[in-house]
């Protein structure tokens, strides 16, 4: 599954670069990303969170010009 590979890479990248958090961005009413939870269990030292895309936009805006210490995964489904 492609999403599982993306999640695995995101956590590997976060660990390699010293990041403290991985955020999976999704649209709750259309997507479920169980595979991220499965991968997150392998990396207990990295915080994992699911964020709805609408909230993400509000969270990211203030940090555009600052150093962000998290890795963000966007799950986009093409119809």
PDB file of N, CA and C in Angstrom:
ATOM      1  N   UNK A   1       0.841  -1.181   0.000  1.00  0.00           N
ATOM      2  CA  UNK A   1       0.000   0.000   0.000  1.00  0.00           C
ATOM      3  C   UNK A   1       0.885   1.243   0.000  1.00  0.00           C
ATOM      4  N   UNK A   2       0.605   2.182  -0.859  1.00  0.00           N
ATOM      5  CA  UNK A   2       1.423   3.383  -1.016  1.00  0.00           C
ATOM      6  C   UNK A   2       1.441   4.203   0.266  1.00  0.00           C
ATOM      7  N   UNK A   3       0.294   4.370   0.915  1.00  0.00           N
ATOM      8  CA  UNK A   3       0.238   5.167   2.136  1.00  0.00           C
ATOM      9  C   UNK A   3       1.135   4.623   3.230  1.00  0.00           C
ATOM     10  N   UNK A   4       1.225   3.309   3.340  1.00  0.00           N
ATOM     11  CA  UNK A   4       2.100   2.693   4.326  1.00  0.00           C
ATOM     12  C   UNK A   4       3.557   3.008   4.058  1.00  0.00           C
ATOM     13  N   UNK A   5       3.953   2.997   2.803  1.00  0.00           N
ATOM     14  CA  UNK A   5       5.320   3.329   2.431  1.00  0.00           C
ATOM     15  C   UNK A   5       5.612   4.788   2.739  1.00  0.00           C
ATOM     16  N   UNK A   6       4.668   5.668   2.442  1.00  0.00           N
ATOM     17  CA  UNK A   6       4.843   7.103   2.712  1.00  0.00           C
ATOM     18  C   UNK A   6       4.984   7.331   4.217  1.00  0.00           C
ATOM     19  N   UNK A   7       4.136   6.690   5.009  1.00  0.00           N
ATOM     20  CA  UNK A   7       4.206   6.837   6.463  1.00  0.00           C
ATOM     21  C   UNK A   7       5.537   6.317   6.995  1.00  0.00           C
ATOM     22  N   UNK A   8       5.970   5.179   6.506  1.00  0.00           N
ATOM     23  CA  UNK A   8       7.250   4.601   6.940  1.00  0.00           C
ATOM     24  C   UNK A   8       8.396   5.557   6.635  1.00  0.00           C
ATOM     25  N   UNK A   9       8.395   6.122   5.441  1.00  0.00           N
ATOM     26  CA  UNK A   9       9.447   7.071   5.059  1.00  0.00           C
ATOM     27  C   UNK A   9       9.402   8.318   5.937  1.00  0.00           C
ATOM     28  N   UNK A  10       8.199   8.822   6.225  1.00  0.00           N
ATOM     29  CA  UNK A  10       8.065  10.037   7.034  1.00  0.00           C
ATOM     30  C   UNK A  10       8.651   9.836   8.434  1.00  0.00           C
ATOM     31  N   UNK A  11       8.366   8.694   9.049  1.00  0.00           N
ATOM     32  CA  UNK A  11       8.909   8.435  10.378  1.00  0.00           C
ATOM     33  C   UNK A  11      10.418   8.209  10.329  1.00  0.00           C
ATOM     34  N   UNK A  12      10.882   7.519   9.296  1.00  0.00           N
ATOM     35  CA  UNK A  12      12.323   7.321   9.133  1.00  0.00           C
ATOM     36  C   UNK A  12      13.026   8.668   8.959  1.00  0.00           C
ATOM     37  N   UNK A  13      12.468   9.534   8.128  1.00  0.00           N
ATOM     38  CA  UNK A  13      13.030  10.867   7.889  1.00  0.00           C
ATOM     39  C   UNK A  13      13.044  11.679   9.180  1.00  0.00           C
ATOM     40  N   UNK A  14      11.933  11.640   9.916  1.00  0.00           N
ATOM     41  CA  UNK A  14      11.854  12.390  11.169  1.00  0.00           C
ATOM     42  C   UNK A  14      12.943  11.948  12.140  1.00  0.00           C
ATOM     43  N   UNK A  15      13.136  10.656  12.247  1.00  0.00           N
ATOM     44  CA  UNK A  15      14.163  10.133  13.165  1.00  0.00           C
ATOM     45  C   UNK A  15      15.561  10.533  12.695  1.00  0.00           C
ATOM     46  N   UNK A  16      15.811  10.405  11.408  1.00  0.00           N
ATOM     47  CA  UNK A  16      17.131  10.720  10.862  1.00  0.00           C
ATOM     48  C   UNK A  16      17.470  12.202  10.989  1.00  0.00           C
ATOM     49  N   UNK A  17      16.477  13.064  10.895  1.00  0.00           N
ATOM     50  CA  UNK A  17      16.698  14.514  10.938  1.00  0.00           C
ATOM     51  C   UNK A  17      16.465  15.116  12.319  1.00  0.00           C
ATOM     52  N   UNK A  18      16.183  14.282  13.313  1.00  0.00           N
ATOM     53  CA  UNK A  18      15.998  14.776  14.667  1.00  0.00           C
ATOM     54  C   UNK A  18      14.680  15.510  14.889  1.00  0.00           C
ATOM     55  N   UNK A  19      13.697  15.202  14.092  1.00  0.00           N
ATOM     56  CA  UNK A  19      12.376  15.827  14.256  1.00  0.00           C
ATOM     57  C   UNK A  19      11.629  15.138  15.379  1.00  0.00           C
ATOM     58  N   UNK A  20      10.745  15.858  16.037  1.00  0.00           N
ATOM     59  CA  UNK A  20      10.075  15.297  17.203  1.00  0.00           C
ATOM     60  C   UNK A  20       8.627  14.893  16.965  1.00  0.00           C
ATOM     61  N   UNK A  21       8.113  15.126  15.758  1.00  0.00           N
ATOM     62  CA  UNK A  21       6.690  14.878  15.534  1.00  0.00           C
ATOM     63  C   UNK A  21       6.411  14.614  14.054  1.00  0.00           C
ATOM     64  N   UNK A  22       5.442  13.736  13.806  1.00  0.00           N
ATOM     65  CA  UNK A  22       4.930  13.491  12.458  1.00  0.00           C
ATOM     66  C   UNK A  22       3.434  13.763  12.504  1.00  0.00           C
ATOM     67  N   UNK A  23       2.968  14.590  11.592  1.00  0.00           N
ATOM     68  CA  UNK A  23       1.544  14.927  11.531  1.00  0.00           C
ATOM     69  C   UNK A  23       0.966  14.411  10.221  1.00  0.00           C
ATOM     70  N   UNK A  24      -0.113  13.647  10.314  1.00  0.00           N
ATOM     71  CA  UNK A  24      -0.812  13.163   9.119  1.00  0.00           C
ATOM     72  C   UNK A  24      -1.998  14.089   8.878  1.00  0.00           C
ATOM     73  N   UNK A  25      -1.994  14.736   7.750  1.00  0.00           N
ATOM     74  CA  UNK A  25      -3.041  15.688   7.411  1.00  0.00           C
ATOM     75  C   UNK A  25      -4.059  14.974   6.529  1.00  0.00           C
ATOM     76  N   UNK A  26      -5.336  15.086   6.879  1.00  0.00           N
ATOM     77  CA  UNK A  26      -6.357  14.349   6.151  1.00  0.00           C
ATOM     78  C   UNK A  26      -7.679  15.099   6.177  1.00  0.00           C
ATOM     79  N   UNK A  27      -8.597  14.637   5.391  1.00  0.00           N
ATOM     80  CA  UNK A  27      -9.969  15.136   5.405  1.00  0.00           C
ATOM     81  C   UNK A  27     -10.799  14.032   6.050  1.00  0.00           C
ATOM     82  N   UNK A  28     -11.185  14.236   7.290  1.00  0.00           N
ATOM     83  CA  UNK A  28     -11.757  13.173   8.130  1.00  0.00           C
ATOM     84  C   UNK A  28     -12.959  12.485   7.521  1.00  0.00           C
ATOM     85  N   UNK A  29     -13.773  13.213   6.791  1.00  0.00           N
ATOM     86  CA  UNK A  29     -14.995  12.591   6.292  1.00  0.00           C
ATOM     87  C   UNK A  29     -14.773  11.683   5.093  1.00  0.00           C
ATOM     88  N   UNK A  30     -13.574  11.664   4.519  1.00  0.00           N
ATOM     89  CA  UNK A  30     -13.354  10.783   3.371  1.00  0.00           C
ATOM     90  C   UNK A  30     -12.186   9.832   3.536  1.00  0.00           C
ATOM     91  N   UNK A  31     -11.330  10.037   4.517  1.00  0.00           N
ATOM     92  CA  UNK A  31     -10.121   9.221   4.586  1.00  0.00           C
ATOM     93  C   UNK A  31      -9.906   8.635   5.978  1.00  0.00           C
ATOM     94  N   UNK A  32      -9.404   7.451   5.987  1.00  0.00           N
ATOM     95  CA  UNK A  32      -8.926   6.812   7.212  1.00  0.00           C
ATOM     96  C   UNK A  32      -7.500   6.363   6.929  1.00  0.00           C
ATOM     97  N   UNK A  33      -6.596   6.661   7.810  1.00  0.00           N
ATOM     98  CA  UNK A  33      -5.200   6.281   7.577  1.00  0.00           C
ATOM     99  C   UNK A  33      -4.675   5.452   8.732  1.00  0.00           C
ATOM    100  N   UNK A  34      -5.193   4.241   8.847  1.00  0.00           N
ATOM    101  CA  UNK A  34      -4.796   3.301   9.898  1.00  0.00           C
ATOM    102  C   UNK A  34      -3.314   2.948   9.834  1.00  0.00           C
ATOM    103  N   UNK A  35      -2.775   2.892   8.636  1.00  0.00           N
ATOM    104  CA  UNK A  35      -1.385   2.474   8.494  1.00  0.00           C
ATOM    105  C   UNK A  35      -0.429   3.422   9.199  1.00  0.00           C
ATOM    106  N   UNK A  36      -0.782   4.688   9.374  1.00  0.00           N
ATOM    107  CA  UNK A  36       0.095   5.605  10.109  1.00  0.00           C
ATOM    108  C   UNK A  36       0.204   5.200  11.570  1.00  0.00           C
ATOM    109  N   UNK A  37      -0.917   4.794  12.159  1.00  0.00           N
ATOM    110  CA  UNK A  37      -0.873   4.334  13.554  1.00  0.00           C
ATOM    111  C   UNK A  37       0.046   3.122  13.682  1.00  0.00           C
ATOM    112  N   UNK A  38      -0.037   2.217  12.723  1.00  0.00           N
ATOM    113  CA  UNK A  38       0.797   1.017  12.763  1.00  0.00           C
ATOM    114  C   UNK A  38       2.277   1.371  12.686  1.00  0.00           C
ATOM    115  N   UNK A  39       2.624   2.304  11.834  1.00  0.00           N
ATOM    116  CA  UNK A  39       4.017   2.728  11.710  1.00  0.00           C
ATOM    117  C   UNK A  39       4.439   3.506  12.957  1.00  0.00           C
ATOM    118  N   UNK A  40       3.558   4.355  13.479  1.00  0.00           N
ATOM    119  CA  UNK A  40       3.881   5.168  14.659  1.00  0.00           C
ATOM    120  C   UNK A  40       4.251   4.304  15.861  1.00  0.00           C
ATOM    121  N   UNK A  41       3.657   3.145  15.969  1.00  0.00           N
ATOM    122  CA  UNK A  41       3.969   2.243  17.079  1.00  0.00           C
ATOM    123  C   UNK A  41       5.426   1.780  17.057  1.00  0.00           C
ATOM    124  N   UNK A  42       6.046   1.791  15.891  1.00  0.00           N
ATOM    125  CA  UNK A  42       7.455   1.395  15.769  1.00  0.00           C
ATOM    126  C   UNK A  42       8.405   2.506  16.210  1.00  0.00           C
ATOM    127  N   UNK A  43       7.894   3.727  16.343  1.00  0.00           N
ATOM    128  CA  UNK A  43       8.710   4.896  16.681  1.00  0.00           C
ATOM    129  C   UNK A  43       8.134   5.595  17.917  1.00  0.00           C
ATOM    130  N   UNK A  44       8.284   5.005  19.104  1.00  0.00           N
ATOM    131  CA  UNK A  44       7.674   5.595  20.302  1.00  0.00           C
ATOM    132  C   UNK A  44       8.278   6.942  20.712  1.00  0.00           C
ATOM    133  N   UNK A  45       9.483   7.249  20.229  1.00  0.00           N
ATOM    134  CA  UNK A  45      10.127   8.509  20.576  1.00  0.00           C
ATOM    135  C   UNK A  45       9.656   9.688  19.721  1.00  0.00           C
ATOM    136  N   UNK A  46       8.847   9.410  18.702  1.00  0.00           N
ATOM    137  CA  UNK A  46       8.317  10.461  17.823  1.00  0.00           C
ATOM    138  C   UNK A  46       6.817  10.558  18.033  1.00  0.00           C
ATOM    139  N   UNK A  47       6.360  11.768  18.326  1.00  0.00           N
ATOM    140  CA  UNK A  47       4.933  11.971  18.547  1.00  0.00           C
ATOM    141  C   UNK A  47       4.197  11.922  17.201  1.00  0.00           C
ATOM    142  N   UNK A  48       3.069  11.236  17.181  1.00  0.00           N
ATOM    143  CA  UNK A  48       2.245  11.150  15.973  1.00  0.00           C
ATOM    144  C   UNK A  48       0.896  11.804  16.246  1.00  0.00           C
ATOM    145  N   UNK A  49       0.434  12.591  15.293  1.00  0.00           N
ATOM    146  CA  UNK A  49      -0.879  13.215  15.418  1.00  0.00           C
ATOM    147  C   UNK A  49      -1.588  13.240  14.079  1.00  0.00           C
ATOM    148  N   UNK A  50      -2.917  13.128  14.141  1.00  0.00           N
ATOM    149  CA  UNK A  50      -3.754  13.281  12.956  1.00  0.00           C
ATOM    150  C   UNK A  50      -4.370  14.665  13.021  1.00  0.00           C
ATOM    151  N   UNK A  51      -4.352  15.371  11.904  1.00  0.00           N
ATOM    152  CA  UNK A  51      -4.885  16.727  11.863  1.00  0.00           C
ATOM    153  C   UNK A  51      -5.787  16.860  10.643  1.00  0.00           C
ATOM    154  N   UNK A  52      -6.962  17.406  10.842  1.00  0.00           N
ATOM    155  CA  UNK A  52      -7.864  17.680   9.719  1.00  0.00           C
ATOM    156  C   UNK A  52      -7.287  18.846   8.919  1.00  0.00           C
ATOM    157  N   UNK A  53      -7.372  18.762   7.610  1.00  0.00           N
ATOM    158  CA  UNK A  53      -6.733  19.739   6.723  1.00  0.00           C
ATOM    159  C   UNK A  53      -7.134  21.179   7.039  1.00  0.00           C
ATOM    160  N   UNK A  54      -8.379  21.406   7.412  1.00  0.00           N
ATOM    161  CA  UNK A  54      -8.821  22.765   7.730  1.00  0.00           C
ATOM    162  C   UNK A  54      -8.050  23.326   8.923  1.00  0.00           C
ATOM    163  N   UNK A  55      -7.854  22.504   9.943  1.00  0.00           N
ATOM    164  CA  UNK A  55      -7.082  22.936  11.112  1.00  0.00           C
ATOM    165  C   UNK A  55      -5.617  23.115  10.767  1.00  0.00           C
ATOM    166  N   UNK A  56      -5.103  22.271   9.895  1.00  0.00           N
ATOM    167  CA  UNK A  56      -3.701  22.352   9.509  1.00  0.00           C
ATOM    168  C   UNK A  56      -3.380  23.711   8.891  1.00  0.00           C
ATOM    169  N   UNK A  57      -4.254  24.169   8.035  1.00  0.00           N
ATOM    170  CA  UNK A  57      -4.023  25.470   7.391  1.00  0.00           C
ATOM    171  C   UNK A  57      -3.916  26.576   8.429  1.00  0.00           C
ATOM    172  N   UNK A  58      -4.741  26.504   9.449  1.00  0.00           N
ATOM    173  CA  UNK A  58      -4.704  27.517  10.502  1.00  0.00           C
ATOM    174  C   UNK A  58      -3.443  27.369  11.363  1.00  0.00           C
ATOM    175  N   UNK A  59      -2.970  26.133  11.542  1.00  0.00           N
ATOM    176  CA  UNK A  59      -1.784  25.896  12.366  1.00  0.00           C
ATOM    177  C   UNK A  59      -0.494  26.271  11.644  1.00  0.00           C
ATOM    178  N   UNK A  60      -0.410  26.000  10.362  1.00  0.00           N
ATOM    179  CA  UNK A  60       0.831  26.199   9.615  1.00  0.00           C
ATOM    180  C   UNK A  60       1.083  27.675   9.320  1.00  0.00           C
ATOM    181  N   UNK A  61       0.050  28.431   9.104  1.00  0.00           N
ATOM    182  CA  UNK A  61       0.199  29.827   8.704  1.00  0.00           C
ATOM    183  C   UNK A  61       1.163  30.625   9.588  1.00  0.00           C
ATOM    184  N   UNK A  62       1.053  30.593  10.907  1.00  0.00           N
ATOM    185  CA  UNK A  62       1.983  31.394  11.728  1.00  0.00           C
ATOM    186  C   UNK A  62       3.435  30.931  11.653  1.00  0.00           C
ATOM    187  N   UNK A  63       3.666  29.699  11.197  1.00  0.00           N
ATOM    188  CA  UNK A  63       5.017  29.148  11.190  1.00  0.00           C
ATOM    189  C   UNK A  63       5.702  29.211   9.834  1.00  0.00           C
ATOM    190  N   UNK A  64       5.114  29.874   8.877  1.00  0.00           N
ATOM    191  CA  UNK A  64       5.671  29.850   7.522  1.00  0.00           C
ATOM    192  C   UNK A  64       7.102  30.374   7.461  1.00  0.00           C
ATOM    193  N   UNK A  65       7.449  31.327   8.286  1.00  0.00           N
ATOM    194  CA  UNK A  65       8.797  31.892   8.247  1.00  0.00           C
ATOM    195  C   UNK A  65       9.670  31.397   9.395  1.00  0.00           C
ATOM    196  N   UNK A  66       9.256  30.341  10.088  1.00  0.00           N
ATOM    197  CA  UNK A  66      10.020  29.824  11.225  1.00  0.00           C
ATOM    198  C   UNK A  66      10.438  28.382  10.962  1.00  0.00           C
ATOM    199  N   UNK A  67      11.371  27.925  11.757  1.00  0.00           N
ATOM    200  CA  UNK A  67      11.828  26.540  11.652  1.00  0.00           C
ATOM    201  C   UNK A  67      10.783  25.621  12.276  1.00  0.00           C
ATOM    202  N   UNK A  68      10.225  24.729  11.499  1.00  0.00           N
ATOM    203  CA  UNK A  68       9.217  23.797  11.986  1.00  0.00           C
ATOM    204  C   UNK A  68       9.910  22.480  12.316  1.00  0.00           C
ATOM    205  N   UNK A  69       9.619  21.921  13.491  1.00  0.00           N
ATOM    206  CA  UNK A  69      10.296  20.700  13.925  1.00  0.00           C
ATOM    207  C   UNK A  69       9.434  19.467  13.732  1.00  0.00           C
ATOM    208  N   UNK A  70       8.540  19.506  12.775  1.00  0.00           N
ATOM    209  CA  UNK A  70       7.710  18.334  12.539  1.00  0.00           C
ATOM    210  C   UNK A  70       7.735  17.967  11.068  1.00  0.00           C
ATOM    211  N   UNK A  71       7.368  16.737  10.792  1.00  0.00           N
ATOM    212  CA  UNK A  71       7.231  16.243   9.425  1.00  0.00           C
ATOM    213  C   UNK A  71       5.743  16.127   9.170  1.00  0.00           C
ATOM    214  N   UNK A  72       5.287  16.633   8.045  1.00  0.00           N
ATOM    215  CA  UNK A  72       3.862  16.639   7.731  1.00  0.00           C
ATOM    216  C   UNK A  72       3.605  15.749   6.534  1.00  0.00           C
ATOM    217  N   UNK A  73       2.629  14.840   6.660  1.00  0.00           N
ATOM    218  CA  UNK A  73       2.219  13.957   5.567  1.00  0.00           C
ATOM    219  C   UNK A  73       0.837  14.419   5.115  1.00  0.00           C
ATOM    220  N   UNK A  74       0.685  14.722   3.853  1.00  0.00           N
ATOM    221  CA  UNK A  74      -0.622  15.067   3.315  1.00  0.00           C
ATOM    222  C   UNK A  74      -1.177  13.862   2.578  1.00  0.00           C
ATOM    223  N   UNK A  75      -2.367  13.421   2.953  1.00  0.00           N
ATOM    224  CA  UNK A  75      -3.034  12.331   2.273  1.00  0.00           C
ATOM    225  C   UNK A  75      -4.066  12.926   1.338  1.00  0.00           C
ATOM    226  N   UNK A  76      -3.847  12.764   0.064  1.00  0.00           N
ATOM    227  CA  UNK A  76      -4.761  13.330  -0.938  1.00  0.00           C
ATOM    228  C   UNK A  76      -5.285  12.190  -1.781  1.00  0.00           C
ATOM    229  N   UNK A  77      -6.557  12.102  -1.883  1.00  0.00           N
ATOM    230  CA  UNK A  77      -7.192  11.056  -2.692  1.00  0.00           C
ATOM    231  C   UNK A  77      -7.626  11.692  -4.009  1.00  0.00           C
ATOM    232  N   UNK A  78      -7.192  11.123  -5.096  1.00  0.00           N
ATOM    233  CA  UNK A  78      -7.660  11.623  -6.392  1.00  0.00           C
ATOM    234  C   UNK A  78      -8.835  10.783  -6.843  1.00  0.00           C
ATOM    235  N   UNK A  79      -9.834  11.409  -7.303  1.00  0.00           N
ATOM    236  CA  UNK A  79     -11.059  10.723  -7.728  1.00  0.00           C
ATOM    237  C   UNK A  79     -10.959  10.453  -9.170  1.00  0.00           C
TER     238      UNK A  79
END
